[in-house]
Amino acid sequence: MVVPPCLLDFTKDMIAKSDDKTVLASFLSREIKEDSHLLELFMPIGDVSRAKLAIAPTGTSGGYGFVTFVTKEDAQKAIGELNGRVYGWDK
């Protein structure tokens, strides 16, 4: 994954805070513009405690975010179910 320079600090901070319950959601639709949109995509899979979308200083989506689940099992389930699939409002 390529991280734009303007989002490098955000990415480093989120990775430092991550654990085995946090998954990286990358290549997200540009239509996903808020944390709540990211949350909507992952809530059907399991209990989500936090969803954080990368937002560039220009206010546009960075195309990726981090989702933290309540359990490691839900995080693994999300990876298994969504990895390599295309989701989003603009298909």
C-alpha atoms as a PDB file:
ATOM      1  CA  MET A   1       0.000   0.000   0.000  1.00  0.00           C
ATOM      2  CA  VAL A   2       1.269   3.452  -0.870  1.00  0.00           C
ATOM      3  CA  VAL A   3       0.622   6.136   1.727  1.00  0.00           C
ATOM      4  CA  PRO A   4       0.523   9.748   0.566  1.00  0.00           C
ATOM      5  CA  PRO A   5       3.114  11.860   2.402  1.00  0.00           C
ATOM      6  CA  CYS A   6       0.394  14.043   3.931  1.00  0.00           C
ATOM      7  CA  LEU A   7      -1.074  10.960   5.689  1.00  0.00           C
ATOM      8  CA  LEU A   8       2.191   9.373   6.810  1.00  0.00           C
ATOM      9  CA  ASP A   9       1.994  10.633  10.407  1.00  0.00           C
ATOM     10  CA  PHE A  10      -1.638   9.487  10.721  1.00  0.00           C
ATOM     11  CA  THR A  11      -0.705   6.032   9.433  1.00  0.00           C
ATOM     12  CA  LYS A  12       2.293   5.672  11.746  1.00  0.00           C
ATOM     13  CA  ASP A  13       0.182   6.727  14.728  1.00  0.00           C
ATOM     14  CA  MET A  14      -2.621   4.269  13.931  1.00  0.00           C
ATOM     15  CA  ILE A  15      -0.201   1.389  13.335  1.00  0.00           C
ATOM     16  CA  ALA A  16       1.494   2.119  16.660  1.00  0.00           C
ATOM     17  CA  LYS A  17      -1.897   1.935  18.400  1.00  0.00           C
ATOM     18  CA  SER A  18      -3.013  -1.182  16.550  1.00  0.00           C
ATOM     19  CA  ASP A  19      -3.195  -4.668  17.974  1.00  0.00           C
ATOM     20  CA  ASP A  20      -4.502  -8.039  16.857  1.00  0.00           C
ATOM     21  CA  LYS A  21      -8.053  -6.651  16.916  1.00  0.00           C
ATOM     22  CA  THR A  22      -7.335  -3.863  14.426  1.00  0.00           C
ATOM     23  CA  VAL A  23      -7.485  -4.358  10.681  1.00  0.00           C
ATOM     24  CA  LEU A  24      -6.345  -2.106   7.865  1.00  0.00           C
ATOM     25  CA  ALA A  25      -9.041  -1.449   5.287  1.00  0.00           C
ATOM     26  CA  SER A  26      -7.339  -0.295   2.106  1.00  0.00           C
ATOM     27  CA  PHE A  27      -8.364   0.621  -1.425  1.00  0.00           C
ATOM     28  CA  LEU A  28     -11.630   2.055  -0.112  1.00  0.00           C
ATOM     29  CA  SER A  29     -14.082   3.779  -2.388  1.00  0.00           C
ATOM     30  CA  ARG A  30     -13.685   7.555  -2.556  1.00  0.00           C
ATOM     31  CA  GLU A  31     -17.402   7.649  -1.700  1.00  0.00           C
ATOM     32  CA  ILE A  32     -16.504   6.580   1.852  1.00  0.00           C
ATOM     33  CA  LYS A  33     -15.916  10.005   3.344  1.00  0.00           C
ATOM     34  CA  GLU A  34     -16.558   9.613   7.086  1.00  0.00           C
ATOM     35  CA  ASP A  35     -15.670   7.259   9.918  1.00  0.00           C
ATOM     36  CA  SER A  36     -19.350   6.292  10.117  1.00  0.00           C
ATOM     37  CA  HIS A  37     -19.281   5.058   6.504  1.00  0.00           C
ATOM     38  CA  LEU A  38     -16.362   2.776   7.324  1.00  0.00           C
ATOM     39  CA  LEU A  39     -18.186   1.618  10.434  1.00  0.00           C
ATOM     40  CA  GLU A  40     -21.268   0.717   8.349  1.00  0.00           C
ATOM     41  CA  LEU A  41     -19.194  -1.582   6.142  1.00  0.00           C
ATOM     42  CA  PHE A  42     -17.764  -3.567   9.054  1.00  0.00           C
ATOM     43  CA  MET A  43     -20.586  -3.640  11.622  1.00  0.00           C
ATOM     44  CA  PRO A  44     -22.402  -6.588   9.968  1.00  0.00           C
ATOM     45  CA  ILE A  45     -19.320  -8.745  10.522  1.00  0.00           C
ATOM     46  CA  GLY A  46     -18.819  -8.221  14.247  1.00  0.00           C
ATOM     47  CA  ASP A  47     -18.737  -5.811  17.150  1.00  0.00           C
ATOM     48  CA  VAL A  48     -16.681  -2.773  16.156  1.00  0.00           C
ATOM     49  CA  SER A  49     -15.228  -0.581  18.876  1.00  0.00           C
ATOM     50  CA  ARG A  50     -13.673   2.016  16.551  1.00  0.00           C
ATOM     51  CA  ALA A  51     -13.410   2.929  12.878  1.00  0.00           C
ATOM     52  CA  LYS A  52     -11.038   5.652  11.709  1.00  0.00           C
ATOM     53  CA  LEU A  53     -10.838   6.778   8.094  1.00  0.00           C
ATOM     54  CA  ALA A  54      -7.671   8.452   6.831  1.00  0.00           C
ATOM     55  CA  ILE A  55      -8.548  11.995   5.757  1.00  0.00           C
ATOM     56  CA  ALA A  56      -6.040  14.084   3.834  1.00  0.00           C
ATOM     57  CA  PRO A  57      -5.475  17.747   4.821  1.00  0.00           C
ATOM     58  CA  THR A  58      -7.534  18.678   1.758  1.00  0.00           C
ATOM     59  CA  GLY A  59     -10.543  16.993   3.381  1.00  0.00           C
ATOM     60  CA  THR A  60     -10.685  14.121   0.918  1.00  0.00           C
ATOM     61  CA  SER A  61     -10.531  10.432   1.783  1.00  0.00           C
ATOM     62  CA  GLY A  62      -7.125   8.809   1.800  1.00  0.00           C
ATOM     63  CA  GLY A  63      -8.677   5.581   0.507  1.00  0.00           C
ATOM     64  CA  TYR A  64      -7.905   3.586   3.633  1.00  0.00           C
ATOM     65  CA  GLY A  65      -8.689   3.372   7.320  1.00  0.00           C
ATOM     66  CA  PHE A  66      -8.406   1.267  10.446  1.00  0.00           C
ATOM     67  CA  VAL A  67     -11.174  -0.746  12.088  1.00  0.00           C
ATOM     68  CA  THR A  68     -10.836  -2.066  15.637  1.00  0.00           C
ATOM     69  CA  PHE A  69     -13.072  -4.939  16.684  1.00  0.00           C
ATOM     70  CA  VAL A  70     -14.026  -5.968  20.216  1.00  0.00           C
ATOM     71  CA  THR A  71     -12.534  -9.439  19.707  1.00  0.00           C
ATOM     72  CA  LYS A  72      -9.645 -10.872  17.735  1.00  0.00           C
ATOM     73  CA  GLU A  73     -12.026 -13.444  16.272  1.00  0.00           C
ATOM     74  CA  ASP A  74     -14.216 -10.736  14.713  1.00  0.00           C
ATOM     75  CA  ALA A  75     -11.122  -9.069  13.249  1.00  0.00           C
ATOM     76  CA  GLN A  76     -10.029 -12.361  11.689  1.00  0.00           C
ATOM     77  CA  LYS A  77     -13.565 -12.945  10.401  1.00  0.00           C
ATOM     78  CA  ALA A  78     -13.539  -9.500   8.731  1.00  0.00           C
ATOM     79  CA  ILE A  79     -10.246 -10.231   7.040  1.00  0.00           C
ATOM     80  CA  GLY A  80     -11.521 -13.588   5.822  1.00  0.00           C
ATOM     81  CA  GLU A  81     -14.815 -12.228   4.521  1.00  0.00           C
ATOM     82  CA  LEU A  82     -13.721  -8.934   2.985  1.00  0.00           C
ATOM     83  CA  ASN A  83     -10.129  -9.438   1.869  1.00  0.00           C
ATOM     84  CA  GLY A  84      -9.936  -8.963  -1.887  1.00  0.00           C
ATOM     85  CA  ARG A  85     -13.588  -8.036  -2.269  1.00  0.00           C
ATOM     86  CA  VAL A  86     -14.937  -4.791  -3.670  1.00  0.00           C
ATOM     87  CA  TYR A  87     -17.353  -2.832  -1.485  1.00  0.00           C
ATOM     88  CA  GLY A  88     -18.586   0.722  -1.496  1.00  0.00           C
ATOM     89  CA  TRP A  89     -21.344   2.952  -2.655  1.00  0.00           C
ATOM     90  CA  ASP A  90     -19.825   3.412  -6.097  1.00  0.00           C
ATOM     91  CA  LYS A  91     -19.067  -0.331  -6.527  1.00  0.00           C
END
